[in-house]
Amino acid sequence: MKKQQVKLPLLATDSIPTPGDFPIGSIESRAAARRQVQASIEGRVRTTFLCMGFGKKKEQQTKARIGPWVENPDGSLTRTVFAPLVMDEEDTLEIFGTKKNPREGQMGFYGIHH
């Protein structure tokens, strides 16, 4: 009978470049920092609280007010968005992940899970 060898698992290596892999202030360093932030957001539960059709008349043209992501004690992220009934494509893409607003013209409060 052969003696079984204890094989230690190989430690995972992070193949994604970090900002420290590049000169300070370089384009590559900034891109690596953005990628790190994006990767930290992608793996979490994210919820957008959307308020459509409420606000001051001057602000009810096409621009949404998108709040920052806030980290909750459980690690999930939430943000609040105040949007007009009709939004521009840039805001619609940021909020819904698509260029077409699925709530176009529908006033109300919505919870969107990403």
PDB file of N, CA and C in Angstrom:
ATOM      1  N   MET A   1       0.830  -1.172   0.000  1.00  0.00           N
ATOM      2  CA  MET A   1       0.000   0.000   0.000  1.00  0.00           C
ATOM      3  C   MET A   1       0.883   1.247   0.000  1.00  0.00           C
ATOM      4  N   LYS A   2       0.550   2.176  -0.875  1.00  0.00           N
ATOM      5  CA  LYS A   2       1.323   3.414  -0.961  1.00  0.00           C
ATOM      6  C   LYS A   2       0.975   4.330   0.205  1.00  0.00           C
ATOM      7  N   LYS A   3       1.990   5.023   0.661  1.00  0.00           N
ATOM      8  CA  LYS A   3       1.774   6.005   1.715  1.00  0.00           C
ATOM      9  C   LYS A   3       1.163   7.261   1.087  1.00  0.00           C
ATOM     10  N   GLN A   4       0.043   7.686   1.651  1.00  0.00           N
ATOM     11  CA  GLN A   4      -0.610   8.880   1.097  1.00  0.00           C
ATOM     12  C   GLN A   4       0.136  10.130   1.525  1.00  0.00           C
ATOM     13  N   GLN A   5       0.351  10.972   0.562  1.00  0.00           N
ATOM     14  CA  GLN A   5       1.000  12.248   0.854  1.00  0.00           C
ATOM     15  C   GLN A   5      -0.060  13.289   1.161  1.00  0.00           C
ATOM     16  N   VAL A   6       0.262  14.128   2.100  1.00  0.00           N
ATOM     17  CA  VAL A   6      -0.632  15.234   2.412  1.00  0.00           C
ATOM     18  C   VAL A   6      -0.295  16.360   1.438  1.00  0.00           C
ATOM     19  N   LYS A   7      -1.254  16.689   0.625  1.00  0.00           N
ATOM     20  CA  LYS A   7      -1.042  17.769  -0.343  1.00  0.00           C
ATOM     21  C   LYS A   7      -1.727  19.021   0.167  1.00  0.00           C
ATOM     22  N   LEU A   8      -0.946  20.047   0.292  1.00  0.00           N
ATOM     23  CA  LEU A   8      -1.512  21.324   0.709  1.00  0.00           C
ATOM     24  C   LEU A   8      -2.101  22.020  -0.503  1.00  0.00           C
ATOM     25  N   PRO A   9      -3.276  22.625  -0.337  1.00  0.00           N
ATOM     26  CA  PRO A   9      -3.858  23.334  -1.479  1.00  0.00           C
ATOM     27  C   PRO A   9      -3.023  24.557  -1.832  1.00  0.00           C
ATOM     28  N   LEU A  10      -2.971  24.858  -3.099  1.00  0.00           N
ATOM     29  CA  LEU A  10      -2.271  26.060  -3.536  1.00  0.00           C
ATOM     30  C   LEU A  10      -3.080  27.284  -3.151  1.00  0.00           C
ATOM     31  N   LEU A  11      -2.395  28.274  -2.672  1.00  0.00           N
ATOM     32  CA  LEU A  11      -3.081  29.509  -2.313  1.00  0.00           C
ATOM     33  C   LEU A  11      -3.508  30.222  -3.587  1.00  0.00           C
ATOM     34  N   ALA A  12      -4.682  30.773  -3.537  1.00  0.00           N
ATOM     35  CA  ALA A  12      -5.181  31.503  -4.703  1.00  0.00           C
ATOM     36  C   ALA A  12      -4.360  32.766  -4.904  1.00  0.00           C
ATOM     37  N   THR A  13      -4.093  33.065  -6.128  1.00  0.00           N
ATOM     38  CA  THR A  13      -3.376  34.299  -6.439  1.00  0.00           C
ATOM     39  C   THR A  13      -4.328  35.248  -7.125  1.00  0.00           C
ATOM     40  N   ASP A  14      -4.180  36.492  -6.824  1.00  0.00           N
ATOM     41  CA  ASP A  14      -5.034  37.513  -7.414  1.00  0.00           C
ATOM     42  C   ASP A  14      -4.365  37.984  -8.704  1.00  0.00           C
ATOM     43  N   SER A  15      -4.944  37.611  -9.828  1.00  0.00           N
ATOM     44  CA  SER A  15      -4.327  37.951 -11.109  1.00  0.00           C
ATOM     45  C   SER A  15      -4.711  39.348 -11.596  1.00  0.00           C
ATOM     46  N   ILE A  16      -5.605  40.011 -10.882  1.00  0.00           N
ATOM     47  CA  ILE A  16      -6.019  41.359 -11.268  1.00  0.00           C
ATOM     48  C   ILE A  16      -4.971  42.350 -10.756  1.00  0.00           C
ATOM     49  N   PRO A  17      -4.436  43.194 -11.629  1.00  0.00           N
ATOM     50  CA  PRO A  17      -3.429  44.162 -11.192  1.00  0.00           C
ATOM     51  C   PRO A  17      -3.987  45.126 -10.140  1.00  0.00           C
ATOM     52  N   THR A  18      -3.145  45.515  -9.215  1.00  0.00           N
ATOM     53  CA  THR A  18      -3.539  46.471  -8.188  1.00  0.00           C
ATOM     54  C   THR A  18      -2.883  47.819  -8.495  1.00  0.00           C
ATOM     55  N   PRO A  19      -3.376  48.894  -7.895  1.00  0.00           N
ATOM     56  CA  PRO A  19      -2.783  50.208  -8.161  1.00  0.00           C
ATOM     57  C   PRO A  19      -1.284  50.255  -7.832  1.00  0.00           C
ATOM     58  N   GLY A  20      -0.862  49.465  -6.850  1.00  0.00           N
ATOM     59  CA  GLY A  20       0.549  49.450  -6.460  1.00  0.00           C
ATOM     60  C   GLY A  20       1.466  48.816  -7.491  1.00  0.00           C
ATOM     61  N   ASP A  21       0.901  48.150  -8.484  1.00  0.00           N
ATOM     62  CA  ASP A  21       1.701  47.529  -9.545  1.00  0.00           C
ATOM     63  C   ASP A  21       2.180  48.553 -10.579  1.00  0.00           C
ATOM     64  N   PHE A  22       1.698  49.785 -10.472  1.00  0.00           N
ATOM     65  CA  PHE A  22       2.004  50.813 -11.461  1.00  0.00           C
ATOM     66  C   PHE A  22       2.530  52.064 -10.771  1.00  0.00           C
ATOM     67  N   PRO A  23       3.160  52.962 -11.519  1.00  0.00           N
ATOM     68  CA  PRO A  23       3.640  54.220 -10.918  1.00  0.00           C
ATOM     69  C   PRO A  23       2.479  55.041 -10.353  1.00  0.00           C
ATOM     70  N   ILE A  24       2.749  55.729  -9.260  1.00  0.00           N
ATOM     71  CA  ILE A  24       1.727  56.559  -8.609  1.00  0.00           C
ATOM     72  C   ILE A  24       1.208  57.615  -9.574  1.00  0.00           C
ATOM     73  N   GLY A  25      -0.110  57.729  -9.664  1.00  0.00           N
ATOM     74  CA  GLY A  25      -0.743  58.745 -10.507  1.00  0.00           C
ATOM     75  C   GLY A  25      -0.832  58.387 -11.974  1.00  0.00           C
ATOM     76  N   SER A  26      -0.353  57.213 -12.356  1.00  0.00           N
ATOM     77  CA  SER A  26      -0.404  56.833 -13.773  1.00  0.00           C
ATOM     78  C   SER A  26      -1.821  56.444 -14.173  1.00  0.00           C
ATOM     79  N   ILE A  27      -2.071  56.453 -15.461  1.00  0.00           N
ATOM     80  CA  ILE A  27      -3.379  56.041 -15.979  1.00  0.00           C
ATOM     81  C   ILE A  27      -3.669  54.607 -15.569  1.00  0.00           C
ATOM     82  N   GLU A  28      -2.652  53.747 -15.634  1.00  0.00           N
ATOM     83  CA  GLU A  28      -2.832  52.342 -15.285  1.00  0.00           C
ATOM     84  C   GLU A  28      -3.185  52.169 -13.806  1.00  0.00           C
ATOM     85  N   SER A  29      -2.547  52.954 -12.942  1.00  0.00           N
ATOM     86  CA  SER A  29      -2.814  52.903 -11.501  1.00  0.00           C
ATOM     87  C   SER A  29      -4.250  53.306 -11.204  1.00  0.00           C
ATOM     88  N   ARG A  30      -4.712  54.377 -11.857  1.00  0.00           N
ATOM     89  CA  ARG A  30      -6.086  54.842 -11.650  1.00  0.00           C
ATOM     90  C   ARG A  30      -7.090  53.820 -12.181  1.00  0.00           C
ATOM     91  N   ALA A  31      -6.784  53.211 -13.318  1.00  0.00           N
ATOM     92  CA  ALA A  31      -7.675  52.191 -13.884  1.00  0.00           C
ATOM     93  C   ALA A  31      -7.749  50.969 -12.963  1.00  0.00           C
ATOM     94  N   ALA A  32      -6.626  50.575 -12.386  1.00  0.00           N
ATOM     95  CA  ALA A  32      -6.610  49.441 -11.464  1.00  0.00           C
ATOM     96  C   ALA A  32      -7.419  49.754 -10.204  1.00  0.00           C
ATOM     97  N   ALA A  33      -7.338  50.996  -9.723  1.00  0.00           N
ATOM     98  CA  ALA A  33      -8.116  51.399  -8.544  1.00  0.00           C
ATOM     99  C   ALA A  33      -9.612  51.362  -8.845  1.00  0.00           C
ATOM    100  N   ARG A  34      -9.999  51.843 -10.033  1.00  0.00           N
ATOM    101  CA  ARG A  34     -11.416  51.798 -10.418  1.00  0.00           C
ATOM    102  C   ARG A  34     -11.895  50.353 -10.505  1.00  0.00           C
ATOM    103  N   ARG A  35     -11.057  49.464 -11.042  1.00  0.00           N
ATOM    104  CA  ARG A  35     -11.413  48.051 -11.170  1.00  0.00           C
ATOM    105  C   ARG A  35     -11.593  47.410  -9.793  1.00  0.00           C
ATOM    106  N   GLN A  36     -10.750  47.770  -8.826  1.00  0.00           N
ATOM    107  CA  GLN A  36     -10.889  47.233  -7.473  1.00  0.00           C
ATOM    108  C   GLN A  36     -12.215  47.654  -6.850  1.00  0.00           C
ATOM    109  N   VAL A  37     -12.566  48.921  -7.008  1.00  0.00           N
ATOM    110  CA  VAL A  37     -13.833  49.421  -6.460  1.00  0.00           C
ATOM    111  C   VAL A  37     -15.011  48.706  -7.125  1.00  0.00           C
ATOM    112  N   GLN A  38     -14.956  48.586  -8.455  1.00  0.00           N
ATOM    113  CA  GLN A  38     -16.028  47.916  -9.188  1.00  0.00           C
ATOM    114  C   GLN A  38     -16.170  46.467  -8.733  1.00  0.00           C
ATOM    115  N   ALA A  39     -15.063  45.758  -8.540  1.00  0.00           N
ATOM    116  CA  ALA A  39     -15.100  44.362  -8.111  1.00  0.00           C
ATOM    117  C   ALA A  39     -15.690  44.237  -6.710  1.00  0.00           C
ATOM    118  N   SER A  40     -15.420  45.215  -5.842  1.00  0.00           N
ATOM    119  CA  SER A  40     -15.965  45.148  -4.482  1.00  0.00           C
ATOM    120  C   SER A  40     -17.472  45.389  -4.471  1.00  0.00           C
ATOM    121  N   ILE A  41     -17.980  46.115  -5.443  1.00  0.00           N
ATOM    122  CA  ILE A  41     -19.416  46.390  -5.529  1.00  0.00           C
ATOM    123  C   ILE A  41     -20.164  45.232  -6.181  1.00  0.00           C
ATOM    124  N   GLU A  42     -19.556  44.601  -7.210  1.00  0.00           N
ATOM    125  CA  GLU A  42     -20.238  43.581  -8.000  1.00  0.00           C
ATOM    126  C   GLU A  42     -20.711  42.372  -7.188  1.00  0.00           C
ATOM    127  N   GLY A  43     -19.960  41.978  -6.186  1.00  0.00           N
ATOM    128  CA  GLY A  43     -20.305  40.774  -5.439  1.00  0.00           C
ATOM    129  C   GLY A  43     -21.294  40.998  -4.312  1.00  0.00           C
ATOM    130  N   ARG A  44     -21.864  42.153  -4.186  1.00  0.00           N
ATOM    131  CA  ARG A  44     -22.757  42.462  -3.069  1.00  0.00           C
ATOM    132  C   ARG A  44     -24.204  42.630  -3.533  1.00  0.00           C
ATOM    133  N   VAL A  45     -25.109  42.454  -2.585  1.00  0.00           N
ATOM    134  CA  VAL A  45     -26.517  42.750  -2.855  1.00  0.00           C
ATOM    135  C   VAL A  45     -26.638  44.266  -2.893  1.00  0.00           C
ATOM    136  N   ARG A  46     -27.229  44.781  -3.988  1.00  0.00           N
ATOM    137  CA  ARG A  46     -27.392  46.226  -4.143  1.00  0.00           C
ATOM    138  C   ARG A  46     -28.866  46.543  -4.358  1.00  0.00           C
ATOM    139  N   THR A  47     -29.350  47.567  -3.669  1.00  0.00           N
ATOM    140  CA  THR A  47     -30.739  47.991  -3.805  1.00  0.00           C
ATOM    141  C   THR A  47     -30.782  49.489  -4.061  1.00  0.00           C
ATOM    142  N   THR A  48     -31.544  49.862  -5.084  1.00  0.00           N
ATOM    143  CA  THR A  48     -31.776  51.275  -5.379  1.00  0.00           C
ATOM    144  C   THR A  48     -33.210  51.599  -4.997  1.00  0.00           C
ATOM    145  N   PHE A  49     -33.381  52.599  -4.153  1.00  0.00           N
ATOM    146  CA  PHE A  49     -34.712  53.093  -3.818  1.00  0.00           C
ATOM    147  C   PHE A  49     -34.990  54.251  -4.769  1.00  0.00           C
ATOM    148  N   LEU A  50     -35.954  54.063  -5.639  1.00  0.00           N
ATOM    149  CA  LEU A  50     -36.244  55.012  -6.710  1.00  0.00           C
ATOM    150  C   LEU A  50     -37.540  55.749  -6.433  1.00  0.00           C
ATOM    151  N   CYS A  51     -37.461  57.077  -6.389  1.00  0.00           N
ATOM    152  CA  CYS A  51     -38.633  57.944  -6.226  1.00  0.00           C
ATOM    153  C   CYS A  51     -38.818  58.676  -7.541  1.00  0.00           C
ATOM    154  N   MET A  52     -39.863  58.329  -8.280  1.00  0.00           N
ATOM    155  CA  MET A  52     -40.073  58.933  -9.605  1.00  0.00           C
ATOM    156  C   MET A  52     -41.241  59.913  -9.594  1.00  0.00           C
ATOM    157  N   GLY A  53     -40.992  61.083 -10.164  1.00  0.00           N
ATOM    158  CA  GLY A  53     -42.059  62.058 -10.350  1.00  0.00           C
ATOM    159  C   GLY A  53     -42.278  62.972  -9.174  1.00  0.00           C
ATOM    160  N   PHE A  54     -41.364  62.972  -8.197  1.00  0.00           N
ATOM    161  CA  PHE A  54     -41.489  63.844  -7.033  1.00  0.00           C
ATOM    162  C   PHE A  54     -40.310  64.799  -7.037  1.00  0.00           C
ATOM    163  N   GLY A  55     -40.523  66.005  -6.580  1.00  0.00           N
ATOM    164  CA  GLY A  55     -39.423  66.967  -6.513  1.00  0.00           C
ATOM    165  C   GLY A  55     -39.853  68.332  -6.987  1.00  0.00           C
ATOM    166  N   LYS A  56     -38.879  69.223  -7.009  1.00  0.00           N
ATOM    167  CA  LYS A  56     -39.138  70.590  -7.425  1.00  0.00           C
ATOM    168  C   LYS A  56     -39.328  70.639  -8.936  1.00  0.00           C
ATOM    169  N   LYS A  57     -40.172  71.542  -9.374  1.00  0.00           N
ATOM    170  CA  LYS A  57     -40.498  71.629 -10.802  1.00  0.00           C
ATOM    171  C   LYS A  57     -39.266  71.891 -11.669  1.00  0.00           C
ATOM    172  N   LYS A  58     -38.327  72.732 -11.205  1.00  0.00           N
ATOM    173  CA  LYS A  58     -37.133  73.013 -11.988  1.00  0.00           C
ATOM    174  C   LYS A  58     -36.322  71.743 -12.238  1.00  0.00           C
ATOM    175  N   GLU A  59     -36.321  70.834 -11.266  1.00  0.00           N
ATOM    176  CA  GLU A  59     -35.517  69.621 -11.384  1.00  0.00           C
ATOM    177  C   GLU A  59     -36.237  68.529 -12.161  1.00  0.00           C
ATOM    178  N   GLN A  60     -37.491  68.719 -12.475  1.00  0.00           N
ATOM    179  CA  GLN A  60     -38.246  67.682 -13.162  1.00  0.00           C
ATOM    180  C   GLN A  60     -38.156  67.840 -14.670  1.00  0.00           C
ATOM    181  N   GLN A  61     -36.944  67.878 -15.167  1.00  0.00           N
ATOM    182  CA  GLN A  61     -36.771  67.911 -16.609  1.00  0.00           C
ATOM    183  C   GLN A  61     -36.323  66.530 -17.050  1.00  0.00           C
ATOM    184  N   THR A  62     -35.029  66.300 -17.172  1.00  0.00           N
ATOM    185  CA  THR A  62     -34.564  64.981 -17.590  1.00  0.00           C
ATOM    186  C   THR A  62     -33.453  64.423 -16.703  1.00  0.00           C
ATOM    187  N   LYS A  63     -32.970  65.167 -15.737  1.00  0.00           N
ATOM    188  CA  LYS A  63     -31.828  64.738 -14.935  1.00  0.00           C
ATOM    189  C   LYS A  63     -32.265  64.153 -13.589  1.00  0.00           C
ATOM    190  N   ALA A  64     -31.741  62.982 -13.266  1.00  0.00           N
ATOM    191  CA  ALA A  64     -32.020  62.333 -11.988  1.00  0.00           C
ATOM    192  C   ALA A  64     -30.949  62.719 -10.972  1.00  0.00           C
ATOM    193  N   ARG A  65     -31.319  62.715  -9.686  1.00  0.00           N
ATOM    194  CA  ARG A  65     -30.340  62.918  -8.611  1.00  0.00           C
ATOM    195  C   ARG A  65     -30.036  61.540  -8.035  1.00  0.00           C
ATOM    196  N   ILE A  66     -28.869  61.023  -8.341  1.00  0.00           N
ATOM    197  CA  ILE A  66     -28.475  59.681  -7.926  1.00  0.00           C
ATOM    198  C   ILE A  66     -27.546  59.804  -6.729  1.00  0.00           C
ATOM    199  N   GLY A  67     -27.991  59.272  -5.588  1.00  0.00           N
ATOM    200  CA  GLY A  67     -27.189  59.334  -4.373  1.00  0.00           C
ATOM    201  C   GLY A  67     -26.057  58.312  -4.391  1.00  0.00           C
ATOM    202  N   PRO A  68     -25.117  58.455  -3.470  1.00  0.00           N
ATOM    203  CA  PRO A  68     -23.993  57.514  -3.414  1.00  0.00           C
ATOM    204  C   PRO A  68     -24.430  56.166  -2.833  1.00  0.00           C
ATOM    205  N   TRP A  69     -23.668  55.129  -3.129  1.00  0.00           N
ATOM    206  CA  TRP A  69     -23.912  53.824  -2.512  1.00  0.00           C
ATOM    207  C   TRP A  69     -23.528  53.917  -1.044  1.00  0.00           C
ATOM    208  N   VAL A  70     -24.376  53.380  -0.168  1.00  0.00           N
ATOM    209  CA  VAL A  70     -24.118  53.370   1.266  1.00  0.00           C
ATOM    210  C   VAL A  70     -24.023  51.920   1.717  1.00  0.00           C
ATOM    211  N   GLU A  71     -22.969  51.599   2.459  1.00  0.00           N
ATOM    212  CA  GLU A  71     -22.785  50.228   2.935  1.00  0.00           C
ATOM    213  C   GLU A  71     -23.575  50.014   4.215  1.00  0.00           C
ATOM    214  N   ASN A  72     -24.328  48.934   4.261  1.00  0.00           N
ATOM    215  CA  ASN A  72     -25.121  48.571   5.428  1.00  0.00           C
ATOM    216  C   ASN A  72     -24.331  47.597   6.300  1.00  0.00           C
ATOM    217  N   PRO A  73     -24.744  47.420   7.578  1.00  0.00           N
ATOM    218  CA  PRO A  73     -24.012  46.510   8.472  1.00  0.00           C
ATOM    219  C   PRO A  73     -23.876  45.075   7.933  1.00  0.00           C
ATOM    220  N   ASP A  74     -24.821  44.620   7.118  1.00  0.00           N
ATOM    221  CA  ASP A  74     -24.749  43.257   6.581  1.00  0.00           C
ATOM    222  C   ASP A  74     -23.888  43.159   5.316  1.00  0.00           C
ATOM    223  N   GLY A  75     -23.278  44.271   4.897  1.00  0.00           N
ATOM    224  CA  GLY A  75     -22.422  44.274   3.715  1.00  0.00           C
ATOM    225  C   GLY A  75     -23.139  44.650   2.427  1.00  0.00           C
ATOM    226  N   SER A  76     -24.464  44.712   2.460  1.00  0.00           N
ATOM    227  CA  SER A  76     -25.205  45.105   1.261  1.00  0.00           C
ATOM    228  C   SER A  76     -25.065  46.609   1.039  1.00  0.00           C
ATOM    229  N   LEU A  77     -25.416  47.046  -0.162  1.00  0.00           N
ATOM    230  CA  LEU A  77     -25.315  48.457  -0.520  1.00  0.00           C
ATOM    231  C   LEU A  77     -26.690  48.992  -0.906  1.00  0.00           C
ATOM    232  N   THR A  78     -26.967  50.226  -0.528  1.00  0.00           N
ATOM    233  CA  THR A  78     -28.221  50.870  -0.937  1.00  0.00           C
ATOM    234  C   THR A  78     -27.911  52.294  -1.404  1.00  0.00           C
ATOM    235  N   ARG A  79     -28.796  52.807  -2.237  1.00  0.00           N
ATOM    236  CA  ARG A  79     -28.719  54.203  -2.661  1.00  0.00           C
ATOM    237  C   ARG A  79     -30.136  54.692  -2.923  1.00  0.00           C
ATOM    238  N   THR A  80     -30.295  56.004  -2.900  1.00  0.00           N
ATOM    239  CA  THR A  80     -31.586  56.622  -3.171  1.00  0.00           C
ATOM    240  C   THR A  80     -31.462  57.462  -4.434  1.00  0.00           C
ATOM    241  N   VAL A  81     -32.487  57.354  -5.282  1.00  0.00           N
ATOM    242  CA  VAL A  81     -32.506  58.107  -6.532  1.00  0.00           C
ATOM    243  C   VAL A  81     -33.827  58.868  -6.615  1.00  0.00           C
ATOM    244  N   PHE A  82     -33.746  60.163  -6.885  1.00  0.00           N
ATOM    245  CA  PHE A  82     -34.920  60.986  -7.163  1.00  0.00           C
ATOM    246  C   PHE A  82     -34.886  61.284  -8.654  1.00  0.00           C
ATOM    247  N   ALA A  83     -35.904  60.827  -9.360  1.00  0.00           N
ATOM    248  CA  ALA A  83     -35.886  60.934 -10.812  1.00  0.00           C
ATOM    249  C   ALA A  83     -37.184  61.535 -11.341  1.00  0.00           C
ATOM    250  N   PRO A  84     -37.070  62.268 -12.456  1.00  0.00           N
ATOM    251  CA  PRO A  84     -38.273  62.773 -13.113  1.00  0.00           C
ATOM    252  C   PRO A  84     -38.974  61.636 -13.851  1.00  0.00           C
ATOM    253  N   LEU A  85     -40.174  61.892 -14.317  1.00  0.00           N
ATOM    254  CA  LEU A  85     -40.923  60.861 -15.040  1.00  0.00           C
ATOM    255  C   LEU A  85     -40.248  60.486 -16.355  1.00  0.00           C
ATOM    256  N   VAL A  86     -39.539  61.452 -16.958  1.00  0.00           N
ATOM    257  CA  VAL A  86     -38.813  61.193 -18.201  1.00  0.00           C
ATOM    258  C   VAL A  86     -37.344  61.534 -17.937  1.00  0.00           C
ATOM    259  N   MET A  87     -36.465  60.545 -18.174  1.00  0.00           N
ATOM    260  CA  MET A  87     -35.037  60.728 -17.901  1.00  0.00           C
ATOM    261  C   MET A  87     -34.215  60.624 -19.173  1.00  0.00           C
ATOM    262  N   ASP A  88     -32.992  61.169 -19.116  1.00  0.00           N
ATOM    263  CA  ASP A  88     -32.083  61.006 -20.250  1.00  0.00           C
ATOM    264  C   ASP A  88     -31.498  59.582 -20.233  1.00  0.00           C
ATOM    265  N   GLU A  89     -30.900  59.175 -21.347  1.00  0.00           N
ATOM    266  CA  GLU A  89     -30.386  57.808 -21.495  1.00  0.00           C
ATOM    267  C   GLU A  89     -29.264  57.501 -20.505  1.00  0.00           C
ATOM    268  N   GLU A  90     -28.426  58.477 -20.199  1.00  0.00           N
ATOM    269  CA  GLU A  90     -27.299  58.257 -19.281  1.00  0.00           C
ATOM    270  C   GLU A  90     -27.794  57.860 -17.889  1.00  0.00           C
ATOM    271  N   ASP A  91     -28.765  58.591 -17.354  1.00  0.00           N
ATOM    272  CA  ASP A  91     -29.320  58.268 -16.036  1.00  0.00           C
ATOM    273  C   ASP A  91     -30.066  56.946 -16.063  1.00  0.00           C
ATOM    274  N   THR A  92     -30.807  56.705 -17.131  1.00  0.00           N
ATOM    275  CA  THR A  92     -31.560  55.455 -17.241  1.00  0.00           C
ATOM    276  C   THR A  92     -30.608  54.266 -17.243  1.00  0.00           C
ATOM    277  N   LEU A  93     -29.497  54.384 -17.941  1.00  0.00           N
ATOM    278  CA  LEU A  93     -28.501  53.322 -17.976  1.00  0.00           C
ATOM    279  C   LEU A  93     -27.885  53.116 -16.598  1.00  0.00           C
ATOM    280  N   GLU A  94     -27.580  54.187 -15.888  1.00  0.00           N
ATOM    281  CA  GLU A  94     -26.996  54.103 -14.551  1.00  0.00           C
ATOM    282  C   GLU A  94     -27.953  53.446 -13.555  1.00  0.00           C
ATOM    283  N   ILE A  95     -29.222  53.759 -13.634  1.00  0.00           N
ATOM    284  CA  ILE A  95     -30.208  53.262 -12.664  1.00  0.00           C
ATOM    285  C   ILE A  95     -30.692  51.857 -13.004  1.00  0.00           C
ATOM    286  N   PHE A  96     -31.083  51.646 -14.249  1.00  0.00           N
ATOM    287  CA  PHE A  96     -31.714  50.387 -14.647  1.00  0.00           C
ATOM    288  C   PHE A  96     -30.785  49.417 -15.379  1.00  0.00           C
ATOM    289  N   GLY A  97     -29.642  49.900 -15.838  1.00  0.00           N
ATOM    290  CA  GLY A  97     -28.742  49.047 -16.604  1.00  0.00           C
ATOM    291  C   GLY A  97     -29.184  48.870 -18.048  1.00  0.00           C
ATOM    292  N   THR A  98     -30.103  49.701 -18.486  1.00  0.00           N
ATOM    293  CA  THR A  98     -30.604  49.655 -19.855  1.00  0.00           C
ATOM    294  C   THR A  98     -30.894  51.076 -20.317  1.00  0.00           C
ATOM    295  N   LYS A  99     -30.895  51.302 -21.620  1.00  0.00           N
ATOM    296  CA  LYS A  99     -31.153  52.654 -22.130  1.00  0.00           C
ATOM    297  C   LYS A  99     -32.625  53.009 -22.117  1.00  0.00           C
ATOM    298  N   LYS A 100     -33.507  52.003 -22.004  1.00  0.00           N
ATOM    299  CA  LYS A 100     -34.952  52.259 -21.989  1.00  0.00           C
ATOM    300  C   LYS A 100     -35.447  52.217 -20.550  1.00  0.00           C
ATOM    301  N   ASN A 101     -36.163  53.241 -20.153  1.00  0.00           N
ATOM    302  CA  ASN A 101     -36.705  53.329 -18.803  1.00  0.00           C
ATOM    303  C   ASN A 101     -37.974  52.476 -18.703  1.00  0.00           C
ATOM    304  N   PRO A 102     -37.943  51.374 -17.937  1.00  0.00           N
ATOM    305  CA  PRO A 102     -39.134  50.530 -17.820  1.00  0.00           C
ATOM    306  C   PRO A 102     -40.261  51.179 -17.021  1.00  0.00           C
ATOM    307  N   ARG A 103     -39.980  52.263 -16.332  1.00  0.00           N
ATOM    308  CA  ARG A 103     -40.991  52.973 -15.531  1.00  0.00           C
ATOM    309  C   ARG A 103     -41.358  54.323 -16.122  1.00  0.00           C
ATOM    310  N   GLU A 104     -41.078  54.516 -17.388  1.00  0.00           N
ATOM    311  CA  GLU A 104     -41.328  55.788 -18.071  1.00  0.00           C
ATOM    312  C   GLU A 104     -42.748  56.289 -17.797  1.00  0.00           C
ATOM    313  N   GLY A 105     -42.845  57.484 -17.215  1.00  0.00           N
ATOM    314  CA  GLY A 105     -44.141  58.124 -16.986  1.00  0.00           C
ATOM    315  C   GLY A 105     -44.927  57.586 -15.806  1.00  0.00           C
ATOM    316  N   GLN A 106     -44.390  56.626 -15.053  1.00  0.00           N
ATOM    317  CA  GLN A 106     -45.100  56.034 -13.916  1.00  0.00           C
ATOM    318  C   GLN A 106     -44.593  56.641 -12.614  1.00  0.00           C
ATOM    319  N   MET A 107     -45.409  57.467 -11.995  1.00  0.00           N
ATOM    320  CA  MET A 107     -45.039  58.094 -10.738  1.00  0.00           C
ATOM    321  C   MET A 107     -45.102  57.053  -9.626  1.00  0.00           C
ATOM    322  N   GLY A 108     -44.134  57.089  -8.683  1.00  0.00           N
ATOM    323  CA  GLY A 108     -44.188  56.157  -7.555  1.00  0.00           C
ATOM    324  C   GLY A 108     -42.837  55.927  -6.904  1.00  0.00           C
ATOM    325  N   PHE A 109     -42.861  55.013  -5.918  1.00  0.00           N
ATOM    326  CA  PHE A 109     -41.660  54.609  -5.191  1.00  0.00           C
ATOM    327  C   PHE A 109     -41.374  53.167  -5.540  1.00  0.00           C
ATOM    328  N   TYR A 110     -40.129  52.874  -5.895  1.00  0.00           N
ATOM    329  CA  TYR A 110     -39.763  51.527  -6.346  1.00  0.00           C
ATOM    330  C   TYR A 110     -38.479  51.075  -5.646  1.00  0.00           C
ATOM    331  N   GLY A 111     -38.353  49.792  -5.456  1.00  0.00           N
ATOM    332  CA  GLY A 111     -37.127  49.176  -4.960  1.00  0.00           C
ATOM    333  C   GLY A 111     -36.565  48.316  -6.064  1.00  0.00           C
ATOM    334  N   ILE A 112     -35.336  48.565  -6.465  1.00  0.00           N
ATOM    335  CA  ILE A 112     -34.713  47.812  -7.553  1.00  0.00           C
ATOM    336  C   ILE A 112     -33.527  47.050  -6.971  1.00  0.00           C
ATOM    337  N   HIS A 113     -33.552  45.732  -7.099  1.00  0.00           N
ATOM    338  CA  HIS A 113     -32.444  44.901  -6.621  1.00  0.00           C
ATOM    339  C   HIS A 113     -31.542  44.571  -7.789  1.00  0.00           C
ATOM    340  N   HIS A 114     -30.260  44.799  -7.612  1.00  0.00           N
ATOM    341  CA  HIS A 114     -29.273  44.558  -8.676  1.00  0.00           C
ATOM    342  C   HIS A 114     -28.551  43.266  -8.401  1.00  0.00           C
TER     343      HIS A 114
END
